[in-house]
C-alpha atoms as a PDB file:
ATOM      1  CA  SER A   1      42.750 135.194  69.318  1.00  0.00           C
ATOM      2  CA  ARG A   2      41.271 132.957  66.624  1.00  0.00           C
ATOM      3  CA  LYS A   3      38.759 135.553  65.537  1.00  0.00           C
ATOM      4  CA  MET A   4      41.541 138.088  65.035  1.00  0.00           C
ATOM      5  CA  ILE A   5      43.530 135.558  62.975  1.00  0.00           C
ATOM      6  CA  ARG A   6      40.475 134.868  60.795  1.00  0.00           C
ATOM      7  CA  THR A   7      39.971 138.593  60.299  1.00  0.00           C
ATOM      8  CA  ILE A   8      43.598 139.046  59.256  1.00  0.00           C
ATOM      9  CA  ALA A   9      43.372 136.042  56.887  1.00  0.00           C
ATOM     10  CA  ALA A  10      40.234 137.491  55.311  1.00  0.00           C
ATOM     11  CA  ALA A  11      42.016 140.809  54.872  1.00  0.00           C
ATOM     12  CA  LEU A  12      44.895 139.067  53.085  1.00  0.00           C
ATOM     13  CA  GLN A  13      42.507 137.243  50.766  1.00  0.00           C
ATOM     14  CA  ARG A  14      40.750 140.476  49.894  1.00  0.00           C
ATOM     15  CA  ALA A  15      44.074 142.155  49.225  1.00  0.00           C
ATOM     16  CA  SER A  16      44.164 140.507  45.794  1.00  0.00           C
ATOM     17  CA  SER A  17      40.983 142.359  44.708  1.00  0.00           C
ATOM     18  CA  THR A  18      40.834 145.755  42.931  1.00  0.00           C
ATOM     19  CA  ASP A  19      42.413 148.872  44.376  1.00  0.00           C
ATOM     20  CA  GLN A  20      39.075 150.449  45.387  1.00  0.00           C
ATOM     21  CA  GLU A  21      37.814 147.180  46.922  1.00  0.00           C
ATOM     22  CA  ARG A  22      41.186 146.782  48.599  1.00  0.00           C
ATOM     23  CA  LYS A  23      40.965 150.291  50.105  1.00  0.00           C
ATOM     24  CA  ASP A  24      37.385 149.705  51.337  1.00  0.00           C
ATOM     25  CA  THR A  25      38.145 146.306  52.819  1.00  0.00           C
ATOM     26  CA  THR A  26      41.434 147.428  54.324  1.00  0.00           C
ATOM     27  CA  ASP A  27      39.727 150.250  56.193  1.00  0.00           C
ATOM     28  CA  GLN A  28      37.059 147.830  57.407  1.00  0.00           C
ATOM     29  CA  ASP A  29      39.698 145.275  58.408  1.00  0.00           C
ATOM     30  CA  TYR A  30      41.649 147.884  60.343  1.00  0.00           C
ATOM     31  CA  LEU A  31      38.480 148.819  62.193  1.00  0.00           C
ATOM     32  CA  GLU A  32      37.741 145.162  62.981  1.00  0.00           C
ATOM     33  CA  ILE A  33      41.301 144.519  64.125  1.00  0.00           C
ATOM     34  CA  GLY A  34      41.171 147.689  66.232  1.00  0.00           C
ATOM     35  CA  ASP A  35      37.873 146.607  67.785  1.00  0.00           C
ATOM     36  CA  HIS A  36      39.282 143.179  68.661  1.00  0.00           C
ATOM     37  CA  THR A  37      42.424 144.725  70.039  1.00  0.00           C
ATOM     38  CA  ASN A  38      40.397 147.150  72.148  1.00  0.00           C
ATOM     39  CA  ILE A  39      38.162 144.353  73.416  1.00  0.00           C
ATOM     40  CA  GLU A  40      41.198 142.277  74.419  1.00  0.00           C
ATOM     41  CA  PHE A  41      42.780 145.315  76.068  1.00  0.00           C
ATOM     42  CA  VAL A  42      39.591 146.046  78.027  1.00  0.00           C
ATOM     43  CA  LYS A  43      39.386 142.403  79.111  1.00  0.00           C
ATOM     44  CA  GLU A  44      42.972 142.542  80.340  1.00  0.00           C
ATOM     45  CA  LEU A  45      42.248 145.765  82.233  1.00  0.00           C
ATOM     46  CA  GLU A  46      39.141 144.244  83.812  1.00  0.00           C
ATOM     47  CA  HIS A  47      41.139 141.155  84.793  1.00  0.00           C
ATOM     48  CA  ASP A  48      43.882 143.326  86.320  1.00  0.00           C
ATOM     49  CA  GLN A  49      41.303 145.400  88.168  1.00  0.00           C
ATOM     50  CA  ALA A  50      39.602 142.274  89.560  1.00  0.00           C
ATOM     51  CA  ARG A  51      42.989 140.924  90.668  1.00  0.00           C
ATOM     52  CA  LYS A  52      43.855 144.206  92.387  1.00  0.00           C
ATOM     53  CA  GLU A  53      40.449 144.395  94.084  1.00  0.00           C
ATOM     54  CA  LYS A  54      40.969 140.836  95.378  1.00  0.00           C
ATOM     55  CA  ALA A  55      44.413 141.826  96.688  1.00  0.00           C
ATOM     56  CA  ILE A  56      42.880 144.854  98.431  1.00  0.00           C
ATOM     57  CA  GLU A  57      40.183 142.659  99.993  1.00  0.00           C
ATOM     58  CA  ASP A  58      42.846 140.208 101.191  1.00  0.00           C
ATOM     59  CA  LEU A  59      44.923 143.028 102.684  1.00  0.00           C
ATOM     60  CA  GLN A  60      41.840 144.523 104.359  1.00  0.00           C
ATOM     61  CA  SER A  61      41.018 141.116 105.838  1.00  0.00           C
ATOM     62  CA  GLU A  62      44.580 140.743 107.118  1.00  0.00           C
ATOM     63  CA  LEU A  63      44.471 144.256 108.587  1.00  0.00           C
ATOM     64  CA  ASP A  64      41.182 143.492 110.359  1.00  0.00           C
ATOM     65  CA  SER A  65      42.676 140.289 111.755  1.00  0.00           C
ATOM     66  CA  LEU A  66      45.743 142.158 113.033  1.00  0.00           C
ATOM     67  CA  LYS A  67      43.535 144.820 114.616  1.00  0.00           C
ATOM     68  CA  ARG A  68      41.523 142.123 116.410  1.00  0.00           C
ATOM     69  CA  CYS A  69      44.740 140.527 117.692  1.00  0.00           C
ATOM     70  CA  GLN A  70      46.026 143.882 118.904  1.00  0.00           C
ATOM     71  CA  MET A  71      42.717 144.665 120.633  1.00  0.00           C
ATOM     72  CA  GLU A  72      42.777 141.257 122.308  1.00  0.00           C
ATOM     73  CA  SER A  73      46.376 141.779 123.452  1.00  0.00           C
ATOM     74  CA  SER A  74      45.524 145.241 124.735  1.00  0.00           C
ATOM     75  CA  TYR A  75      42.509 143.871 126.626  1.00  0.00           C
ATOM     76  CA  MET A  76      44.609 141.090 128.191  1.00  0.00           C
ATOM     77  CA  TYR A  77      47.310 143.638 129.115  1.00  0.00           C
ATOM     78  CA  ASN A  78      44.719 145.878 130.815  1.00  0.00           C
ATOM     79  CA  LEU A  79      43.322 142.899 132.737  1.00  0.00           C
ATOM     80  CA  GLU A  80      46.831 141.988 133.916  1.00  0.00           C
ATOM     81  CA  VAL A  81      47.536 145.600 134.959  1.00  0.00           C
ATOM     82  CA  ALA A  82      44.275 145.709 136.930  1.00  0.00           C
ATOM     83  CA  ARG A  83      45.099 142.378 138.644  1.00  0.00           C
ATOM     84  CA  LEU A  84      48.606 143.560 139.597  1.00  0.00           C
ATOM     85  CA  LYS A  85      47.190 146.853 140.910  1.00  0.00           C
ATOM     86  CA  ARG A  86      44.733 144.940 143.124  1.00  0.00           C
ATOM     87  CA  GLU A  87      47.545 142.720 144.403  1.00  0.00           C
ATOM     88  CA  ASN A  88      49.748 145.748 145.058  1.00  0.00           C
ATOM     89  CA  ASP A  89      46.943 147.514 146.943  1.00  0.00           C
ATOM     90  CA  ALA A  90      46.343 144.402 149.069  1.00  0.00           C
ATOM     91  CA  ILE A  91      50.067 144.104 149.873  1.00  0.00           C
ATOM     92  CA  ILE A  92      50.290 147.789 150.821  1.00  0.00           C
ATOM     93  CA  LYS A  93      47.261 147.344 153.080  1.00  0.00           C
ATOM     94  CA  ARG A  94      48.856 144.283 154.749  1.00  0.00           C
ATOM     95  CA  ILE A  95      52.142 146.135 155.262  1.00  0.00           C
ATOM     96  CA  GLY A  96      50.249 149.017 156.882  1.00  0.00           C
ATOM     97  CA  THR A  97      48.425 146.574 159.156  1.00  0.00           C
ATOM     98  CA  PHE A  98      51.708 144.838 160.028  1.00  0.00           C
ATOM     99  CA  ARG A  99      53.371 148.184 160.940  1.00  0.00           C
ATOM    100  CA  ARG A 100      50.475 149.097 163.233  1.00  0.00           C
ATOM    101  CA  ASP A 101      50.541 145.661 164.806  1.00  0.00           C
ATOM    102  CA  ILE A 102      54.300 145.879 165.478  1.00  0.00           C
ATOM    103  CA  ASN A 103      53.698 148.999 167.537  1.00  0.00           C
ATOM    104  CA  ASP A 104      50.886 147.245 169.416  1.00  0.00           C
ATOM    105  CA  ASN A 105      52.343 144.934 172.118  1.00  0.00           C
ATOM    106  CA  VAL A 106      49.214 142.762 172.290  1.00  0.00           C
ATOM    107  CA  ALA A 107      49.330 142.154 168.556  1.00  0.00           C
ATOM    108  CA  VAL A 108      53.060 141.303 168.776  1.00  0.00           C
ATOM    109  CA  GLN A 109      52.288 138.641 171.342  1.00  0.00           C
ATOM    110  CA  GLU A 110      49.567 137.197 169.047  1.00  0.00           C
ATOM    111  CA  TYR A 111      52.056 137.023 166.182  1.00  0.00           C
ATOM    112  CA  ALA A 112      54.471 135.201 168.496  1.00  0.00           C
ATOM    113  CA  ARG A 113      51.979 132.451 169.270  1.00  0.00           C
END
């Protein structure tokens, strides 16, 4: 970043001073550069964490949507099964009635009309 570049440039300018001043400023410069590096690193980590949290939220949303679709499909399937069971029961009842009526001569004559 620009601030880091300025810090490095200042360190280079101070490098031409005396040995003791150079040692003092170099230590300070290393600390400043380290602080800037740490700040940038933390910012990158925070950005990565935010991106991952967003991805998790998106996946959770997709999972919830898929669960709703599956529940809806399951509900529609159960409705269809119940409808077919009612139809099957009605057909079985009609077949039973038809068998009884076949054995009843009066009913056979009514069917013939």
